[in-house]
Amino acid sequence: MLRVGLTGGIASGKTAVSDALAARGAVIIDADLLAREVVEPGTPGLAAVVERFGAEVLTGDGVLDRAALGTVVFADPTARRDLEAIIHPAVRARAAAIEAAADPDAVVVHVIPLLVETGQQADFDLLVVVDVAPEVQRERLQRRNGLDTDAAEARIAAQASRADRLSVADFVLDNSATPADLIDQVDSLWPDLRARATAG
């Protein structure tokens, strides 16, 4: 088994890369999807979020209102750390369970937006960083999420710097050009990952 950490800044193209790797046979463990799962209604995670942030972060039908919670945590570093202390352990436990069920020769890709921020660099056999120029990242984030410039900048600033991510990368996928160009880079990377997964 090869354990790969896949990260990149917000709106850098991590999903496009993970989808392409999944299509080639990788087992994908997406921290964002698991983070949603662990705060579904009725979960201990949601109960802990409500205890910390109040019922105003819920919709009328008891579902987590991500926009309301995001407004709070992106404006307050302490609140963000409190949320991470609730979510991250639950996500890691689910990820470990999924990985344990994978084939011994699998390429297991953990998609973790906050991999560097949470100090998980040493937890993987290798790290792949999806990289994009900051101005392209900001424009994509504004277009995708409907954010103004200040809100987009706040979300980018809440993450590790581009330099910090690149400093831990074993492989860098440059997503500044076209989607087809990014897929070409995945095609070049995949045989290496497969060879490492089945070596020895």
N, C-alpha and C. Protein backbone atom coordinates (compact mmCIF):
# COMPACT_ATOMS: atom_id res chain seq x y z
N MET A 1 0.84 -1.19 0.00
CA MET A 1 0.00 0.00 0.00
C MET A 1 0.88 1.25 0.00
N LEU A 2 0.45 2.23 -0.78
CA LEU A 2 1.12 3.53 -0.77
C LEU A 2 0.15 4.55 -0.22
N ARG A 3 0.57 5.22 0.85
CA ARG A 3 -0.28 6.24 1.49
C ARG A 3 0.18 7.62 1.01
N VAL A 4 -0.70 8.27 0.27
CA VAL A 4 -0.39 9.56 -0.35
C VAL A 4 -1.21 10.64 0.33
N GLY A 5 -0.54 11.72 0.71
CA GLY A 5 -1.25 12.91 1.17
C GLY A 5 -1.37 13.87 0.01
N LEU A 6 -2.60 14.27 -0.32
CA LEU A 6 -2.86 15.22 -1.40
C LEU A 6 -3.41 16.50 -0.79
N THR A 7 -2.73 17.61 -1.06
CA THR A 7 -3.19 18.88 -0.50
C THR A 7 -2.98 19.99 -1.50
N GLY A 8 -3.38 21.17 -1.12
CA GLY A 8 -3.28 22.36 -1.95
C GLY A 8 -4.16 23.43 -1.34
N GLY A 9 -3.93 24.66 -1.73
CA GLY A 9 -4.75 25.75 -1.21
C GLY A 9 -6.19 25.63 -1.66
N ILE A 10 -7.06 26.38 -1.02
CA ILE A 10 -8.47 26.40 -1.40
C ILE A 10 -8.59 26.81 -2.86
N ALA A 11 -9.45 26.11 -3.60
CA ALA A 11 -9.71 26.38 -5.03
C ALA A 11 -8.50 26.13 -5.91
N SER A 12 -7.61 25.25 -5.46
CA SER A 12 -6.42 24.96 -6.27
C SER A 12 -6.65 23.84 -7.29
N GLY A 13 -7.64 22.99 -7.05
CA GLY A 13 -7.91 21.89 -7.97
C GLY A 13 -7.74 20.51 -7.37
N LYS A 14 -7.79 20.41 -6.06
CA LYS A 14 -7.62 19.11 -5.40
C LYS A 14 -8.67 18.10 -5.84
N THR A 15 -9.90 18.56 -5.99
CA THR A 15 -10.98 17.65 -6.37
C THR A 15 -10.76 17.10 -7.78
N ALA A 16 -10.33 17.95 -8.69
CA ALA A 16 -10.06 17.49 -10.05
C ALA A 16 -8.97 16.42 -10.05
N VAL A 17 -7.94 16.62 -9.24
CA VAL A 17 -6.85 15.64 -9.16
C VAL A 17 -7.34 14.35 -8.50
N SER A 18 -8.08 14.46 -7.41
CA SER A 18 -8.54 13.25 -6.73
C SER A 18 -9.51 12.47 -7.59
N ASP A 19 -10.37 13.17 -8.35
CA ASP A 19 -11.28 12.48 -9.27
C ASP A 19 -10.50 11.73 -10.34
N ALA A 20 -9.44 12.38 -10.86
CA ALA A 20 -8.63 11.73 -11.89
C ALA A 20 -7.90 10.51 -11.33
N LEU A 21 -7.39 10.62 -10.12
CA LEU A 21 -6.71 9.48 -9.49
C LEU A 21 -7.69 8.36 -9.20
N ALA A 22 -8.89 8.70 -8.76
CA ALA A 22 -9.91 7.67 -8.51
C ALA A 22 -10.24 6.93 -9.80
N ALA A 23 -10.32 7.66 -10.91
CA ALA A 23 -10.63 7.03 -12.19
C ALA A 23 -9.54 6.06 -12.63
N ARG A 24 -8.34 6.25 -12.10
CA ARG A 24 -7.22 5.37 -12.45
C ARG A 24 -7.04 4.24 -11.43
N GLY A 25 -7.87 4.22 -10.41
CA GLY A 25 -7.86 3.10 -9.48
C GLY A 25 -7.45 3.41 -8.06
N ALA A 26 -7.16 4.67 -7.75
CA ALA A 26 -6.78 5.01 -6.38
C ALA A 26 -7.97 4.94 -5.45
N VAL A 27 -7.71 4.61 -4.19
CA VAL A 27 -8.71 4.70 -3.13
C VAL A 27 -8.63 6.13 -2.58
N ILE A 28 -9.72 6.86 -2.66
CA ILE A 28 -9.74 8.26 -2.23
C ILE A 28 -10.40 8.38 -0.87
N ILE A 29 -9.71 9.03 0.04
CA ILE A 29 -10.27 9.34 1.36
C ILE A 29 -10.25 10.86 1.48
N ASP A 30 -11.40 11.48 1.29
CA ASP A 30 -11.51 12.93 1.20
C ASP A 30 -11.91 13.51 2.55
N ALA A 31 -11.01 14.26 3.16
CA ALA A 31 -11.26 14.81 4.49
C ALA A 31 -12.47 15.74 4.51
N ASP A 32 -12.68 16.50 3.42
CA ASP A 32 -13.83 17.39 3.38
C ASP A 32 -15.14 16.61 3.41
N LEU A 33 -15.20 15.51 2.65
CA LEU A 33 -16.42 14.69 2.65
C LEU A 33 -16.63 14.04 4.02
N LEU A 34 -15.53 13.57 4.61
CA LEU A 34 -15.65 12.97 5.93
C LEU A 34 -16.04 14.02 6.97
N ALA A 35 -15.54 15.24 6.81
CA ALA A 35 -15.90 16.31 7.74
C ALA A 35 -17.39 16.60 7.70
N ARG A 36 -18.00 16.43 6.54
CA ARG A 36 -19.45 16.57 6.45
C ARG A 36 -20.15 15.39 7.12
N GLU A 37 -19.62 14.20 6.89
CA GLU A 37 -20.21 12.99 7.44
C GLU A 37 -20.24 13.02 8.97
N VAL A 38 -19.16 13.49 9.58
CA VAL A 38 -19.06 13.42 11.05
C VAL A 38 -19.88 14.48 11.76
N VAL A 39 -20.53 15.39 11.00
CA VAL A 39 -21.45 16.35 11.63
C VAL A 39 -22.86 16.24 11.05
N GLU A 40 -23.18 15.06 10.53
CA GLU A 40 -24.55 14.81 10.10
C GLU A 40 -25.47 14.84 11.33
N PRO A 41 -26.76 15.12 11.13
CA PRO A 41 -27.69 15.11 12.26
C PRO A 41 -27.63 13.79 13.04
N GLY A 42 -27.61 13.92 14.35
CA GLY A 42 -27.57 12.74 15.22
C GLY A 42 -26.17 12.28 15.58
N THR A 43 -25.14 12.89 15.02
CA THR A 43 -23.77 12.47 15.32
C THR A 43 -23.22 13.21 16.55
N PRO A 44 -22.28 12.58 17.25
CA PRO A 44 -21.62 13.28 18.35
C PRO A 44 -20.91 14.56 17.88
N GLY A 45 -20.41 14.53 16.65
CA GLY A 45 -19.72 15.71 16.12
C GLY A 45 -20.63 16.92 16.04
N LEU A 46 -21.85 16.72 15.54
CA LEU A 46 -22.78 17.85 15.44
C LEU A 46 -23.17 18.34 16.83
N ALA A 47 -23.37 17.42 17.74
CA ALA A 47 -23.71 17.82 19.11
C ALA A 47 -22.60 18.68 19.72
N ALA A 48 -21.35 18.32 19.46
CA ALA A 48 -20.23 19.09 19.99
C ALA A 48 -20.14 20.47 19.35
N VAL A 49 -20.43 20.55 18.05
CA VAL A 49 -20.41 21.85 17.36
C VAL A 49 -21.49 22.76 17.94
N VAL A 50 -22.68 22.23 18.15
CA VAL A 50 -23.78 23.04 18.69
C VAL A 50 -23.47 23.47 20.12
N GLU A 51 -22.86 22.58 20.90
CA GLU A 51 -22.49 22.94 22.27
C GLU A 51 -21.51 24.11 22.28
N ARG A 52 -20.57 24.11 21.34
CA ARG A 52 -19.56 25.17 21.30
C ARG A 52 -20.07 26.46 20.65
N PHE A 53 -20.84 26.34 19.54
CA PHE A 53 -21.18 27.52 18.75
C PHE A 53 -22.65 27.94 18.85
N GLY A 54 -23.48 27.11 19.48
CA GLY A 54 -24.87 27.47 19.65
C GLY A 54 -25.76 26.99 18.52
N ALA A 55 -27.07 26.98 18.79
CA ALA A 55 -28.05 26.46 17.83
C ALA A 55 -28.17 27.34 16.60
N GLU A 56 -27.61 28.57 16.64
CA GLU A 56 -27.71 29.45 15.47
C GLU A 56 -26.89 28.95 14.29
N VAL A 57 -26.05 27.92 14.50
CA VAL A 57 -25.31 27.35 13.36
C VAL A 57 -26.08 26.17 12.74
N LEU A 58 -27.33 26.00 13.14
CA LEU A 58 -28.18 24.97 12.56
C LEU A 58 -29.24 25.61 11.67
N THR A 59 -29.65 24.86 10.65
CA THR A 59 -30.81 25.28 9.86
C THR A 59 -32.07 24.91 10.64
N GLY A 60 -33.22 25.29 10.12
CA GLY A 60 -34.47 25.00 10.80
C GLY A 60 -34.74 23.53 10.97
N ASP A 61 -34.17 22.70 10.09
CA ASP A 61 -34.41 21.25 10.20
C ASP A 61 -33.26 20.52 10.88
N GLY A 62 -32.42 21.26 11.60
CA GLY A 62 -31.40 20.62 12.44
C GLY A 62 -30.13 20.21 11.73
N VAL A 63 -29.93 20.71 10.51
CA VAL A 63 -28.72 20.42 9.75
C VAL A 63 -27.72 21.55 9.97
N LEU A 64 -26.44 21.22 9.97
CA LEU A 64 -25.42 22.25 10.15
C LEU A 64 -25.50 23.27 9.02
N ASP A 65 -25.58 24.54 9.39
CA ASP A 65 -25.57 25.63 8.43
C ASP A 65 -24.11 26.03 8.20
N ARG A 66 -23.52 25.49 7.15
CA ARG A 66 -22.08 25.68 6.92
C ARG A 66 -21.72 27.14 6.66
N ALA A 67 -22.60 27.85 6.00
CA ALA A 67 -22.33 29.25 5.72
C ALA A 67 -22.29 30.06 7.02
N ALA A 68 -23.24 29.81 7.90
CA ALA A 68 -23.27 30.53 9.18
C ALA A 68 -22.04 30.20 10.02
N LEU A 69 -21.69 28.92 10.06
CA LEU A 69 -20.52 28.51 10.83
C LEU A 69 -19.24 29.08 10.21
N GLY A 70 -19.17 29.07 8.89
CA GLY A 70 -18.00 29.61 8.20
C GLY A 70 -17.80 31.08 8.49
N THR A 71 -18.89 31.83 8.56
CA THR A 71 -18.79 33.25 8.87
C THR A 71 -18.14 33.46 10.24
N VAL A 72 -18.47 32.60 11.17
CA VAL A 72 -17.91 32.70 12.52
C VAL A 72 -16.44 32.31 12.54
N VAL A 73 -16.12 31.15 12.00
CA VAL A 73 -14.76 30.62 12.20
C VAL A 73 -13.72 31.29 11.32
N PHE A 74 -14.11 31.81 10.15
CA PHE A 74 -13.11 32.49 9.32
C PHE A 74 -12.78 33.88 9.83
N ALA A 75 -13.62 34.40 10.73
CA ALA A 75 -13.37 35.72 11.31
C ALA A 75 -12.69 35.63 12.68
N ASP A 76 -12.54 34.41 13.22
CA ASP A 76 -12.06 34.26 14.59
C ASP A 76 -11.14 33.05 14.68
N PRO A 77 -9.83 33.26 14.74
CA PRO A 77 -8.89 32.12 14.79
C PRO A 77 -9.14 31.17 15.96
N THR A 78 -9.55 31.69 17.10
CA THR A 78 -9.83 30.80 18.24
C THR A 78 -11.03 29.91 17.94
N ALA A 79 -12.06 30.48 17.35
CA ALA A 79 -13.24 29.68 16.99
C ALA A 79 -12.87 28.62 15.96
N ARG A 80 -12.00 28.99 15.01
CA ARG A 80 -11.58 28.01 14.01
C ARG A 80 -10.83 26.86 14.65
N ARG A 81 -9.95 27.18 15.58
CA ARG A 81 -9.21 26.10 16.28
C ARG A 81 -10.15 25.21 17.09
N ASP A 82 -11.15 25.82 17.71
CA ASP A 82 -12.12 25.03 18.47
C ASP A 82 -12.89 24.07 17.55
N LEU A 83 -13.27 24.57 16.39
CA LEU A 83 -13.98 23.71 15.43
C LEU A 83 -13.08 22.57 14.97
N GLU A 84 -11.84 22.90 14.65
CA GLU A 84 -10.90 21.87 14.20
C GLU A 84 -10.68 20.80 15.27
N ALA A 85 -10.67 21.21 16.54
CA ALA A 85 -10.48 20.24 17.63
C ALA A 85 -11.65 19.27 17.74
N ILE A 86 -12.81 19.68 17.27
CA ILE A 86 -13.98 18.80 17.25
C ILE A 86 -13.94 17.88 16.02
N ILE A 87 -13.68 18.49 14.86
CA ILE A 87 -13.83 17.78 13.58
C ILE A 87 -12.65 16.85 13.28
N HIS A 88 -11.42 17.34 13.45
CA HIS A 88 -10.26 16.58 12.97
C HIS A 88 -10.11 15.19 13.57
N PRO A 89 -10.27 15.01 14.89
CA PRO A 89 -10.14 13.64 15.42
C PRO A 89 -11.18 12.67 14.85
N ALA A 90 -12.39 13.15 14.66
CA ALA A 90 -13.44 12.30 14.11
C ALA A 90 -13.14 11.93 12.66
N VAL A 91 -12.64 12.89 11.90
CA VAL A 91 -12.29 12.64 10.50
C VAL A 91 -11.16 11.62 10.42
N ARG A 92 -10.14 11.78 11.26
CA ARG A 92 -9.00 10.87 11.22
C ARG A 92 -9.42 9.44 11.58
N ALA A 93 -10.34 9.31 12.50
CA ALA A 93 -10.81 7.97 12.87
C ALA A 93 -11.54 7.31 11.71
N ARG A 94 -12.38 8.06 11.00
CA ARG A 94 -13.09 7.51 9.84
C ARG A 94 -12.11 7.17 8.73
N ALA A 95 -11.13 8.04 8.50
CA ALA A 95 -10.14 7.80 7.45
C ALA A 95 -9.36 6.52 7.74
N ALA A 96 -8.99 6.32 8.99
CA ALA A 96 -8.24 5.11 9.36
C ALA A 96 -9.07 3.86 9.10
N ALA A 97 -10.36 3.92 9.36
CA ALA A 97 -11.22 2.76 9.14
C ALA A 97 -11.33 2.44 7.64
N ILE A 98 -11.45 3.47 6.81
CA ILE A 98 -11.54 3.25 5.37
C ILE A 98 -10.23 2.67 4.84
N GLU A 99 -9.12 3.23 5.29
CA GLU A 99 -7.81 2.74 4.83
C GLU A 99 -7.59 1.29 5.24
N ALA A 100 -8.02 0.93 6.43
CA ALA A 100 -7.82 -0.44 6.91
C ALA A 100 -8.54 -1.46 6.04
N ALA A 101 -9.59 -1.03 5.37
CA ALA A 101 -10.37 -1.94 4.52
C ALA A 101 -9.85 -2.00 3.08
N ALA A 102 -8.84 -1.20 2.75
CA ALA A 102 -8.33 -1.13 1.38
C ALA A 102 -7.43 -2.32 1.06
N ASP A 103 -7.29 -2.60 -0.23
CA ASP A 103 -6.40 -3.65 -0.72
C ASP A 103 -4.96 -3.35 -0.31
N PRO A 104 -4.19 -4.37 0.06
CA PRO A 104 -2.79 -4.15 0.48
C PRO A 104 -1.91 -3.50 -0.58
N ASP A 105 -2.26 -3.65 -1.87
CA ASP A 105 -1.47 -3.04 -2.94
C ASP A 105 -2.07 -1.73 -3.45
N ALA A 106 -3.02 -1.17 -2.73
CA ALA A 106 -3.72 0.02 -3.21
C ALA A 106 -2.86 1.28 -3.08
N VAL A 107 -3.16 2.23 -3.95
CA VAL A 107 -2.70 3.61 -3.76
C VAL A 107 -3.83 4.31 -3.02
N VAL A 108 -3.58 4.66 -1.77
CA VAL A 108 -4.60 5.29 -0.93
C VAL A 108 -4.27 6.78 -0.83
N VAL A 109 -5.15 7.60 -1.37
CA VAL A 109 -4.91 9.04 -1.42
C VAL A 109 -5.80 9.74 -0.40
N HIS A 110 -5.17 10.36 0.57
CA HIS A 110 -5.89 11.15 1.57
C HIS A 110 -5.90 12.60 1.10
N VAL A 111 -7.09 13.10 0.76
CA VAL A 111 -7.24 14.49 0.32
C VAL A 111 -7.48 15.33 1.56
N ILE A 112 -6.48 16.15 1.93
CA ILE A 112 -6.53 16.89 3.19
C ILE A 112 -6.17 18.35 2.93
N PRO A 113 -7.17 19.23 2.83
CA PRO A 113 -6.87 20.64 2.59
C PRO A 113 -5.92 21.24 3.63
N LEU A 114 -6.08 20.87 4.89
CA LEU A 114 -5.28 21.45 5.97
C LEU A 114 -4.16 20.52 6.41
N LEU A 115 -3.60 19.76 5.50
CA LEU A 115 -2.56 18.79 5.84
C LEU A 115 -1.36 19.47 6.49
N VAL A 116 -0.88 20.54 5.90
CA VAL A 116 0.29 21.23 6.44
C VAL A 116 -0.06 21.93 7.75
N GLU A 117 -1.23 22.57 7.77
CA GLU A 117 -1.65 23.31 8.96
C GLU A 117 -1.77 22.41 10.18
N THR A 118 -2.16 21.16 9.95
CA THR A 118 -2.37 20.23 11.06
C THR A 118 -1.16 19.33 11.30
N GLY A 119 -0.04 19.63 10.66
CA GLY A 119 1.21 18.93 10.94
C GLY A 119 1.23 17.46 10.58
N GLN A 120 0.55 17.09 9.49
CA GLN A 120 0.48 15.68 9.11
C GLN A 120 1.49 15.28 8.03
N GLN A 121 2.46 16.13 7.76
CA GLN A 121 3.41 15.88 6.66
C GLN A 121 4.09 14.52 6.78
N ALA A 122 4.45 14.13 8.00
CA ALA A 122 5.22 12.89 8.20
C ALA A 122 4.34 11.65 8.25
N ASP A 123 3.03 11.81 8.12
CA ASP A 123 2.11 10.69 8.26
C ASP A 123 1.93 9.88 6.98
N PHE A 124 2.54 10.33 5.88
CA PHE A 124 2.31 9.70 4.58
C PHE A 124 3.62 9.28 3.92
N ASP A 125 3.51 8.34 2.99
CA ASP A 125 4.69 7.89 2.26
C ASP A 125 5.21 8.98 1.33
N LEU A 126 4.29 9.75 0.77
CA LEU A 126 4.70 10.90 -0.04
C LEU A 126 3.56 11.90 -0.11
N LEU A 127 3.93 13.13 -0.47
CA LEU A 127 2.96 14.22 -0.51
C LEU A 127 2.88 14.81 -1.92
N VAL A 128 1.65 14.99 -2.38
CA VAL A 128 1.39 15.63 -3.67
C VAL A 128 0.68 16.95 -3.38
N VAL A 129 1.22 18.03 -3.92
CA VAL A 129 0.63 19.36 -3.73
C VAL A 129 0.11 19.86 -5.07
N VAL A 130 -1.16 20.27 -5.08
CA VAL A 130 -1.73 20.93 -6.25
C VAL A 130 -1.49 22.42 -6.06
N ASP A 131 -0.79 23.02 -7.00
CA ASP A 131 -0.34 24.40 -6.85
C ASP A 131 -0.95 25.28 -7.93
N VAL A 132 -1.23 26.51 -7.54
CA VAL A 132 -1.78 27.49 -8.47
C VAL A 132 -1.33 28.87 -8.00
N ALA A 133 -1.14 29.79 -8.93
CA ALA A 133 -0.75 31.15 -8.59
C ALA A 133 -1.82 31.80 -7.72
N PRO A 134 -1.44 32.60 -6.72
CA PRO A 134 -2.42 33.19 -5.79
C PRO A 134 -3.52 33.98 -6.48
N GLU A 135 -3.18 34.72 -7.52
CA GLU A 135 -4.22 35.52 -8.18
C GLU A 135 -5.22 34.63 -8.91
N VAL A 136 -4.78 33.50 -9.44
CA VAL A 136 -5.69 32.55 -10.09
C VAL A 136 -6.55 31.87 -9.02
N GLN A 137 -5.93 31.51 -7.92
CA GLN A 137 -6.65 30.90 -6.81
C GLN A 137 -7.77 31.82 -6.32
N ARG A 138 -7.46 33.09 -6.12
CA ARG A 138 -8.44 34.04 -5.62
C ARG A 138 -9.60 34.20 -6.61
N GLU A 139 -9.27 34.31 -7.89
CA GLU A 139 -10.31 34.49 -8.89
C GLU A 139 -11.22 33.26 -8.96
N ARG A 140 -10.63 32.07 -8.91
CA ARG A 140 -11.44 30.84 -8.95
C ARG A 140 -12.32 30.72 -7.72
N LEU A 141 -11.76 31.09 -6.57
CA LEU A 141 -12.53 31.00 -5.32
C LEU A 141 -13.70 31.97 -5.34
N GLN A 142 -13.46 33.18 -5.81
CA GLN A 142 -14.55 34.15 -5.89
C GLN A 142 -15.65 33.68 -6.84
N ARG A 143 -15.25 33.14 -7.97
CA ARG A 143 -16.23 32.66 -8.95
C ARG A 143 -17.00 31.45 -8.42
N ARG A 144 -16.28 30.52 -7.80
CA ARG A 144 -16.90 29.28 -7.34
C ARG A 144 -17.84 29.51 -6.16
N ASN A 145 -17.42 30.35 -5.21
CA ASN A 145 -18.16 30.50 -3.96
C ASN A 145 -18.96 31.80 -3.88
N GLY A 146 -18.87 32.64 -4.92
CA GLY A 146 -19.62 33.88 -4.90
C GLY A 146 -19.14 34.85 -3.83
N LEU A 147 -17.84 34.87 -3.58
CA LEU A 147 -17.28 35.70 -2.51
C LEU A 147 -16.75 37.02 -3.07
N ASP A 148 -16.77 38.05 -2.22
CA ASP A 148 -16.08 39.27 -2.61
C ASP A 148 -14.59 39.10 -2.33
N THR A 149 -13.80 40.08 -2.74
CA THR A 149 -12.35 39.95 -2.64
C THR A 149 -11.89 39.75 -1.20
N ASP A 150 -12.46 40.53 -0.27
CA ASP A 150 -12.03 40.43 1.13
C ASP A 150 -12.34 39.05 1.71
N ALA A 151 -13.51 38.52 1.41
CA ALA A 151 -13.89 37.20 1.92
C ALA A 151 -13.00 36.11 1.33
N ALA A 152 -12.69 36.23 0.06
CA ALA A 152 -11.80 35.26 -0.58
C ALA A 152 -10.41 35.32 0.03
N GLU A 153 -9.91 36.53 0.23
CA GLU A 153 -8.58 36.70 0.82
C GLU A 153 -8.53 36.13 2.24
N ALA A 154 -9.61 36.30 2.99
CA ALA A 154 -9.66 35.79 4.36
C ALA A 154 -9.56 34.26 4.37
N ARG A 155 -10.22 33.61 3.44
CA ARG A 155 -10.17 32.14 3.39
C ARG A 155 -8.78 31.66 2.96
N ILE A 156 -8.18 32.38 2.03
CA ILE A 156 -6.82 32.01 1.60
C ILE A 156 -5.83 32.23 2.74
N ALA A 157 -5.98 33.36 3.45
CA ALA A 157 -5.06 33.69 4.54
C ALA A 157 -5.18 32.74 5.72
N ALA A 158 -6.33 32.09 5.85
CA ALA A 158 -6.55 31.16 6.96
C ALA A 158 -5.79 29.85 6.77
N GLN A 159 -5.23 29.63 5.58
CA GLN A 159 -4.51 28.40 5.29
C GLN A 159 -3.01 28.64 5.31
N ALA A 160 -2.26 27.55 5.24
CA ALA A 160 -0.80 27.64 5.15
C ALA A 160 -0.42 28.43 3.91
N SER A 161 0.76 28.99 3.94
CA SER A 161 1.22 29.75 2.78
C SER A 161 1.57 28.80 1.63
N ARG A 162 1.58 29.35 0.45
CA ARG A 162 1.98 28.57 -0.73
C ARG A 162 3.38 28.00 -0.53
N ALA A 163 4.29 28.80 -0.01
CA ALA A 163 5.67 28.36 0.21
C ALA A 163 5.73 27.20 1.20
N ASP A 164 4.92 27.26 2.25
CA ASP A 164 4.92 26.18 3.24
C ASP A 164 4.45 24.87 2.62
N ARG A 165 3.42 24.93 1.78
CA ARG A 165 2.94 23.71 1.13
C ARG A 165 4.00 23.15 0.18
N LEU A 166 4.56 24.02 -0.64
CA LEU A 166 5.54 23.56 -1.62
C LEU A 166 6.78 22.99 -0.95
N SER A 167 7.10 23.46 0.24
CA SER A 167 8.32 23.00 0.91
C SER A 167 8.23 21.54 1.36
N VAL A 168 7.03 21.00 1.47
CA VAL A 168 6.88 19.61 1.91
C VAL A 168 6.53 18.66 0.77
N ALA A 169 6.36 19.20 -0.44
CA ALA A 169 5.87 18.39 -1.57
C ALA A 169 6.94 17.44 -2.11
N ASP A 170 6.52 16.19 -2.35
CA ASP A 170 7.34 15.26 -3.13
C ASP A 170 7.05 15.42 -4.62
N PHE A 171 5.79 15.74 -4.93
CA PHE A 171 5.36 16.00 -6.30
C PHE A 171 4.48 17.24 -6.30
N VAL A 172 4.67 18.10 -7.28
CA VAL A 172 3.85 19.30 -7.43
C VAL A 172 3.11 19.21 -8.77
N LEU A 173 1.80 19.37 -8.72
CA LEU A 173 0.98 19.42 -9.93
C LEU A 173 0.55 20.87 -10.11
N ASP A 174 0.96 21.48 -11.22
CA ASP A 174 0.69 22.89 -11.50
C ASP A 174 -0.65 23.02 -12.21
N ASN A 175 -1.60 23.65 -11.53
CA ASN A 175 -2.94 23.79 -12.11
C ASN A 175 -3.21 25.21 -12.59
N SER A 176 -2.18 25.87 -13.09
CA SER A 176 -2.35 27.24 -13.59
C SER A 176 -2.84 27.29 -15.03
N ALA A 177 -2.79 26.18 -15.73
CA ALA A 177 -3.15 26.18 -17.15
C ALA A 177 -4.55 25.57 -17.33
N THR A 178 -4.67 24.61 -18.24
CA THR A 178 -5.98 24.06 -18.59
C THR A 178 -6.27 22.78 -17.81
N PRO A 179 -7.55 22.39 -17.72
CA PRO A 179 -7.87 21.10 -17.11
C PRO A 179 -7.16 19.93 -17.79
N ALA A 180 -7.03 20.00 -19.11
CA ALA A 180 -6.36 18.92 -19.84
C ALA A 180 -4.89 18.84 -19.44
N ASP A 181 -4.27 19.96 -19.22
CA ASP A 181 -2.87 19.98 -18.79
C ASP A 181 -2.73 19.32 -17.41
N LEU A 182 -3.67 19.60 -16.53
CA LEU A 182 -3.62 18.99 -15.19
C LEU A 182 -3.76 17.47 -15.29
N ILE A 183 -4.67 17.00 -16.13
CA ILE A 183 -4.86 15.57 -16.31
C ILE A 183 -3.60 14.92 -16.89
N ASP A 184 -2.93 15.61 -17.79
CA ASP A 184 -1.67 15.08 -18.32
C ASP A 184 -0.65 14.87 -17.20
N GLN A 185 -0.61 15.78 -16.25
CA GLN A 185 0.32 15.63 -15.13
C GLN A 185 -0.07 14.45 -14.24
N VAL A 186 -1.36 14.24 -14.05
CA VAL A 186 -1.82 13.07 -13.28
C VAL A 186 -1.43 11.79 -14.01
N ASP A 187 -1.58 11.79 -15.33
CA ASP A 187 -1.21 10.61 -16.12
C ASP A 187 0.28 10.29 -15.98
N SER A 188 1.09 11.32 -15.87
CA SER A 188 2.53 11.11 -15.69
C SER A 188 2.85 10.60 -14.29
N LEU A 189 2.10 11.06 -13.32
CA LEU A 189 2.35 10.69 -11.92
C LEU A 189 1.86 9.27 -11.60
N TRP A 190 0.74 8.86 -12.18
CA TRP A 190 0.08 7.62 -11.77
C TRP A 190 0.97 6.37 -11.86
N PRO A 191 1.70 6.14 -12.94
CA PRO A 191 2.54 4.93 -12.99
C PRO A 191 3.57 4.87 -11.85
N ASP A 192 4.10 6.01 -11.47
CA ASP A 192 5.04 6.07 -10.35
C ASP A 192 4.35 5.66 -9.05
N LEU A 193 3.15 6.16 -8.83
CA LEU A 193 2.42 5.81 -7.61
C LEU A 193 2.11 4.31 -7.58
N ARG A 194 1.68 3.76 -8.71
CA ARG A 194 1.35 2.33 -8.76
C ARG A 194 2.60 1.49 -8.48
N ALA A 195 3.72 1.89 -9.07
CA ALA A 195 4.96 1.13 -8.87
C ALA A 195 5.37 1.14 -7.41
N ARG A 196 5.24 2.28 -6.77
CA ARG A 196 5.61 2.39 -5.35
C ARG A 196 4.67 1.56 -4.47
N ALA A 197 3.39 1.51 -4.86
CA ALA A 197 2.40 0.79 -4.05
C ALA A 197 2.67 -0.72 -4.06
N THR A 198 3.18 -1.22 -5.16
CA THR A 198 3.35 -2.67 -5.31
C THR A 198 4.79 -3.12 -5.10
N ALA A 199 5.69 -2.17 -4.85
CA ALA A 199 7.11 -2.52 -4.65
C ALA A 199 7.29 -3.30 -3.35
N GLY A 200 8.20 -4.24 -3.38
CA GLY A 200 8.56 -4.98 -2.18
C GLY A 200 7.48 -5.86 -1.68
